[in-house]
Amino acid sequence: MDEETLNLSIRKFLKMVGINSQREIEHAVAKATADGTISGSEAFPAHVTLTVKGLNIDVKFDGEIRLQ
């Protein structure tokens, strides 16, 4: 196993997940605000599940998306 390759691979994966997740959330907030579905002062519970087949990883991370 090459530690540097592993580290770079994990960082690349997490960067892709972070950028795409942020984009999806921002688009959903913009649409819901434009539709009048939300006022823009809400907070929403959020969770992400990380699954890595072959390593038996299935972990849930909980958090909150606050608009104000």
C-alpha atoms as a PDB file:
ATOM      1  CA  MET A   1       0.000   0.000   0.000  1.00  0.00           C
ATOM      2  CA  ASP A   2       1.223   3.480  -0.874  1.00  0.00           C
ATOM      3  CA  GLU A   3       0.195   5.932   1.887  1.00  0.00           C
ATOM      4  CA  GLU A   4       0.553   8.964  -0.409  1.00  0.00           C
ATOM      5  CA  THR A   5      -1.649   7.438  -3.109  1.00  0.00           C
ATOM      6  CA  LEU A   6      -4.259   6.505  -0.500  1.00  0.00           C
ATOM      7  CA  ASN A   7      -4.200   9.997   1.032  1.00  0.00           C
ATOM      8  CA  LEU A   8      -4.495  11.747  -2.346  1.00  0.00           C
ATOM      9  CA  SER A   9      -7.285   9.416  -3.434  1.00  0.00           C
ATOM     10  CA  ILE A  10      -9.280  10.067  -0.249  1.00  0.00           C
ATOM     11  CA  ARG A  11      -8.763  13.831  -0.535  1.00  0.00           C
ATOM     12  CA  LYS A  12      -9.853  13.809  -4.198  1.00  0.00           C
ATOM     13  CA  PHE A  13     -12.994  11.844  -3.328  1.00  0.00           C
ATOM     14  CA  LEU A  14     -13.883  14.123  -0.390  1.00  0.00           C
ATOM     15  CA  LYS A  15     -13.297  17.256  -2.478  1.00  0.00           C
ATOM     16  CA  MET A  16     -15.625  15.934  -5.204  1.00  0.00           C
ATOM     17  CA  VAL A  17     -18.278  15.053  -2.618  1.00  0.00           C
ATOM     18  CA  GLY A  18     -17.952  18.422  -0.877  1.00  0.00           C
ATOM     19  CA  ILE A  19     -18.128  20.534  -4.037  1.00  0.00           C
ATOM     20  CA  ASN A  20     -21.039  18.615  -5.543  1.00  0.00           C
ATOM     21  CA  SER A  21     -22.947  18.484  -2.252  1.00  0.00           C
ATOM     22  CA  GLN A  22     -22.584  22.229  -1.752  1.00  0.00           C
ATOM     23  CA  ARG A  23     -23.771  22.893  -5.310  1.00  0.00           C
ATOM     24  CA  GLU A  24     -26.849  20.684  -4.849  1.00  0.00           C
ATOM     25  CA  ILE A  25     -27.769  22.337  -1.544  1.00  0.00           C
ATOM     26  CA  GLU A  26     -27.297  25.845  -2.942  1.00  0.00           C
ATOM     27  CA  HIS A  27     -29.477  25.060  -5.974  1.00  0.00           C
ATOM     28  CA  ALA A  28     -32.188  23.534  -3.792  1.00  0.00           C
ATOM     29  CA  VAL A  29     -32.171  26.555  -1.449  1.00  0.00           C
ATOM     30  CA  ALA A  30     -32.312  28.991  -4.383  1.00  0.00           C
ATOM     31  CA  LYS A  31     -35.221  27.099  -5.975  1.00  0.00           C
ATOM     32  CA  ALA A  32     -37.158  26.797  -2.725  1.00  0.00           C
ATOM     33  CA  THR A  33     -36.608  30.497  -1.986  1.00  0.00           C
ATOM     34  CA  ALA A  34     -37.730  31.491  -5.484  1.00  0.00           C
ATOM     35  CA  ASP A  35     -40.795  29.223  -5.229  1.00  0.00           C
ATOM     36  CA  GLY A  36     -41.671  30.704  -1.854  1.00  0.00           C
ATOM     37  CA  THR A  37     -41.439  27.272  -0.240  1.00  0.00           C
ATOM     38  CA  ILE A  38     -38.984  28.577   2.358  1.00  0.00           C
ATOM     39  CA  SER A  39     -38.425  32.018   3.820  1.00  0.00           C
ATOM     40  CA  GLY A  40     -34.653  31.854   4.055  1.00  0.00           C
ATOM     41  CA  SER A  41     -34.348  31.720   7.823  1.00  0.00           C
ATOM     42  CA  GLU A  42     -34.828  27.977   8.330  1.00  0.00           C
ATOM     43  CA  ALA A  43     -32.475  25.294   9.509  1.00  0.00           C
ATOM     44  CA  PHE A  44     -32.663  21.807   8.027  1.00  0.00           C
ATOM     45  CA  PRO A  45     -31.396  18.560   9.522  1.00  0.00           C
ATOM     46  CA  ALA A  46     -29.050  16.798   7.131  1.00  0.00           C
ATOM     47  CA  HIS A  47     -27.209  13.522   7.020  1.00  0.00           C
ATOM     48  CA  VAL A  48     -24.712  11.826   4.785  1.00  0.00           C
ATOM     49  CA  THR A  49     -24.000   8.127   4.649  1.00  0.00           C
ATOM     50  CA  LEU A  50     -20.519   7.012   3.668  1.00  0.00           C
ATOM     51  CA  THR A  51     -20.404   3.525   2.252  1.00  0.00           C
ATOM     52  CA  VAL A  52     -17.214   1.864   1.053  1.00  0.00           C
ATOM     53  CA  LYS A  53     -17.828  -1.635  -0.212  1.00  0.00           C
ATOM     54  CA  GLY A  54     -14.981  -4.025   0.440  1.00  0.00           C
ATOM     55  CA  LEU A  55     -13.970  -2.174   3.606  1.00  0.00           C
ATOM     56  CA  ASN A  56     -17.259  -2.710   5.439  1.00  0.00           C
ATOM     57  CA  ILE A  57     -17.710   1.026   6.014  1.00  0.00           C
ATOM     58  CA  ASP A  58     -21.275   2.235   6.406  1.00  0.00           C
ATOM     59  CA  VAL A  59     -21.265   5.345   8.581  1.00  0.00           C
ATOM     60  CA  LYS A  60     -23.884   8.077   8.961  1.00  0.00           C
ATOM     61  CA  PHE A  61     -22.889  11.675   9.686  1.00  0.00           C
ATOM     62  CA  ASP A  62     -25.566  14.053  10.993  1.00  0.00           C
ATOM     63  CA  GLY A  63     -25.557  17.829  10.864  1.00  0.00           C
ATOM     64  CA  GLU A  64     -27.633  20.872  10.135  1.00  0.00           C
ATOM     65  CA  ILE A  65     -27.893  23.305   7.226  1.00  0.00           C
ATOM     66  CA  ARG A  66     -28.705  26.768   8.586  1.00  0.00           C
ATOM     67  CA  LEU A  67     -29.821  29.554   6.279  1.00  0.00           C
ATOM     68  CA  GLN A  68     -29.423  32.328   8.798  1.00  0.00           C
END
